[in-house]
Amino acid sequence: MISTRTTRPRRTPRPARSRTWLRDDRGDVPGWVLITLMTAGLVIIIWGLAGPALSNVFQQAISRVTGY
């Protein structure tokens, strides 16, 4: 009987997992720096816009609790 099954080509061995991980993430550092800077910018903008309102809410809450 003739087998119709084909053999799979051999795979080349992969490098160690840690080396693959380092090589894959090395190019992503600028992306994380950009995300961090954009987040910091958004926090500064939101804090600048909502800071006085939040301060007033906090002062009102403290004055109600202390009775002044």
C-alpha atoms as a PDB file:
ATOM      1  CA  MET A   1       0.000   0.000   0.000  1.00  0.00           C
ATOM      2  CA  ILE A   2       1.315   3.442  -0.916  1.00  0.00           C
ATOM      3  CA  SER A   3       1.088   6.101   1.758  1.00  0.00           C
ATOM      4  CA  THR A   4      -0.435   9.419   0.676  1.00  0.00           C
ATOM      5  CA  ARG A   5       0.830  11.098   3.768  1.00  0.00           C
ATOM      6  CA  THR A   6       3.413  13.808   3.175  1.00  0.00           C
ATOM      7  CA  THR A   7       6.148  14.672   5.579  1.00  0.00           C
ATOM      8  CA  ARG A   8       6.316  18.085   7.132  1.00  0.00           C
ATOM      9  CA  PRO A   9       9.322  20.246   6.398  1.00  0.00           C
ATOM     10  CA  ARG A  10      11.624  20.614   9.357  1.00  0.00           C
ATOM     11  CA  ARG A  11      11.395  23.851  11.291  1.00  0.00           C
ATOM     12  CA  THR A  12      14.459  25.822  12.094  1.00  0.00           C
ATOM     13  CA  PRO A  13      15.133  25.940  15.837  1.00  0.00           C
ATOM     14  CA  ARG A  14      13.863  29.055  17.570  1.00  0.00           C
ATOM     15  CA  PRO A  15      16.133  31.178  19.736  1.00  0.00           C
ATOM     16  CA  ALA A  16      15.643  31.179  23.479  1.00  0.00           C
ATOM     17  CA  ARG A  17      12.349  32.709  24.580  1.00  0.00           C
ATOM     18  CA  SER A  18      14.021  35.544  26.500  1.00  0.00           C
ATOM     19  CA  ARG A  19      16.017  36.661  23.468  1.00  0.00           C
ATOM     20  CA  THR A  20      12.919  36.607  21.282  1.00  0.00           C
ATOM     21  CA  TRP A  21      10.999  38.646  23.847  1.00  0.00           C
ATOM     22  CA  LEU A  22      13.746  41.272  24.065  1.00  0.00           C
ATOM     23  CA  ARG A  23      14.015  41.558  20.309  1.00  0.00           C
ATOM     24  CA  ASP A  24      10.241  41.872  19.860  1.00  0.00           C
ATOM     25  CA  ASP A  25       9.763  44.585  22.510  1.00  0.00           C
ATOM     26  CA  ARG A  26      12.806  46.667  21.713  1.00  0.00           C
ATOM     27  CA  GLY A  27      10.996  48.643  19.009  1.00  0.00           C
ATOM     28  CA  ASP A  28       8.001  49.325  21.236  1.00  0.00           C
ATOM     29  CA  VAL A  29       9.811  51.620  23.681  1.00  0.00           C
ATOM     30  CA  PRO A  30       9.053  54.828  21.717  1.00  0.00           C
ATOM     31  CA  GLY A  31       5.381  53.861  21.756  1.00  0.00           C
ATOM     32  CA  TRP A  32       5.355  53.542  25.529  1.00  0.00           C
ATOM     33  CA  VAL A  33       7.198  56.831  25.931  1.00  0.00           C
ATOM     34  CA  LEU A  34       4.619  58.534  23.715  1.00  0.00           C
ATOM     35  CA  ILE A  35       1.721  57.018  25.680  1.00  0.00           C
ATOM     36  CA  THR A  36       3.296  58.144  28.966  1.00  0.00           C
ATOM     37  CA  LEU A  37       3.842  61.703  27.751  1.00  0.00           C
ATOM     38  CA  MET A  38       0.332  61.952  26.313  1.00  0.00           C
ATOM     39  CA  THR A  39      -1.174  60.671  29.570  1.00  0.00           C
ATOM     40  CA  ALA A  40       0.822  63.183  31.590  1.00  0.00           C
ATOM     41  CA  GLY A  41      -0.322  65.953  29.249  1.00  0.00           C
ATOM     42  CA  LEU A  42      -3.963  64.944  29.616  1.00  0.00           C
ATOM     43  CA  VAL A  43      -3.670  64.866  33.404  1.00  0.00           C
ATOM     44  CA  ILE A  44      -2.164  68.364  33.432  1.00  0.00           C
ATOM     45  CA  ILE A  45      -4.895  69.740  31.152  1.00  0.00           C
ATOM     46  CA  ILE A  46      -7.746  68.105  33.069  1.00  0.00           C
ATOM     47  CA  TRP A  47      -6.243  69.152  36.402  1.00  0.00           C
ATOM     48  CA  GLY A  48      -5.938  72.735  35.175  1.00  0.00           C
ATOM     49  CA  LEU A  49      -9.557  72.832  34.038  1.00  0.00           C
ATOM     50  CA  ALA A  50     -11.177  70.901  36.889  1.00  0.00           C
ATOM     51  CA  GLY A  51      -8.794  71.827  39.725  1.00  0.00           C
ATOM     52  CA  PRO A  52     -10.629  74.936  40.943  1.00  0.00           C
ATOM     53  CA  ALA A  53     -14.020  73.212  40.774  1.00  0.00           C
ATOM     54  CA  LEU A  54     -12.728  70.194  42.678  1.00  0.00           C
ATOM     55  CA  SER A  55     -11.121  72.461  45.248  1.00  0.00           C
ATOM     56  CA  ASN A  56     -14.447  74.235  45.807  1.00  0.00           C
ATOM     57  CA  VAL A  57     -16.287  70.925  46.186  1.00  0.00           C
ATOM     58  CA  PHE A  58     -13.700  69.769  48.710  1.00  0.00           C
ATOM     59  CA  GLN A  59     -13.907  73.005  50.700  1.00  0.00           C
ATOM     60  CA  GLN A  60     -17.724  72.812  50.794  1.00  0.00           C
ATOM     61  CA  ALA A  61     -17.604  69.204  51.989  1.00  0.00           C
ATOM     62  CA  ILE A  62     -15.120  70.045  54.754  1.00  0.00           C
ATOM     63  CA  SER A  63     -17.151  73.074  55.878  1.00  0.00           C
ATOM     64  CA  ARG A  64     -20.325  70.941  56.079  1.00  0.00           C
ATOM     65  CA  VAL A  65     -18.562  68.294  58.150  1.00  0.00           C
ATOM     66  CA  THR A  66     -16.897  70.740  60.537  1.00  0.00           C
ATOM     67  CA  GLY A  67     -19.924  73.065  60.717  1.00  0.00           C
ATOM     68  CA  TYR A  68     -18.095  76.279  59.784  1.00  0.00           C
END
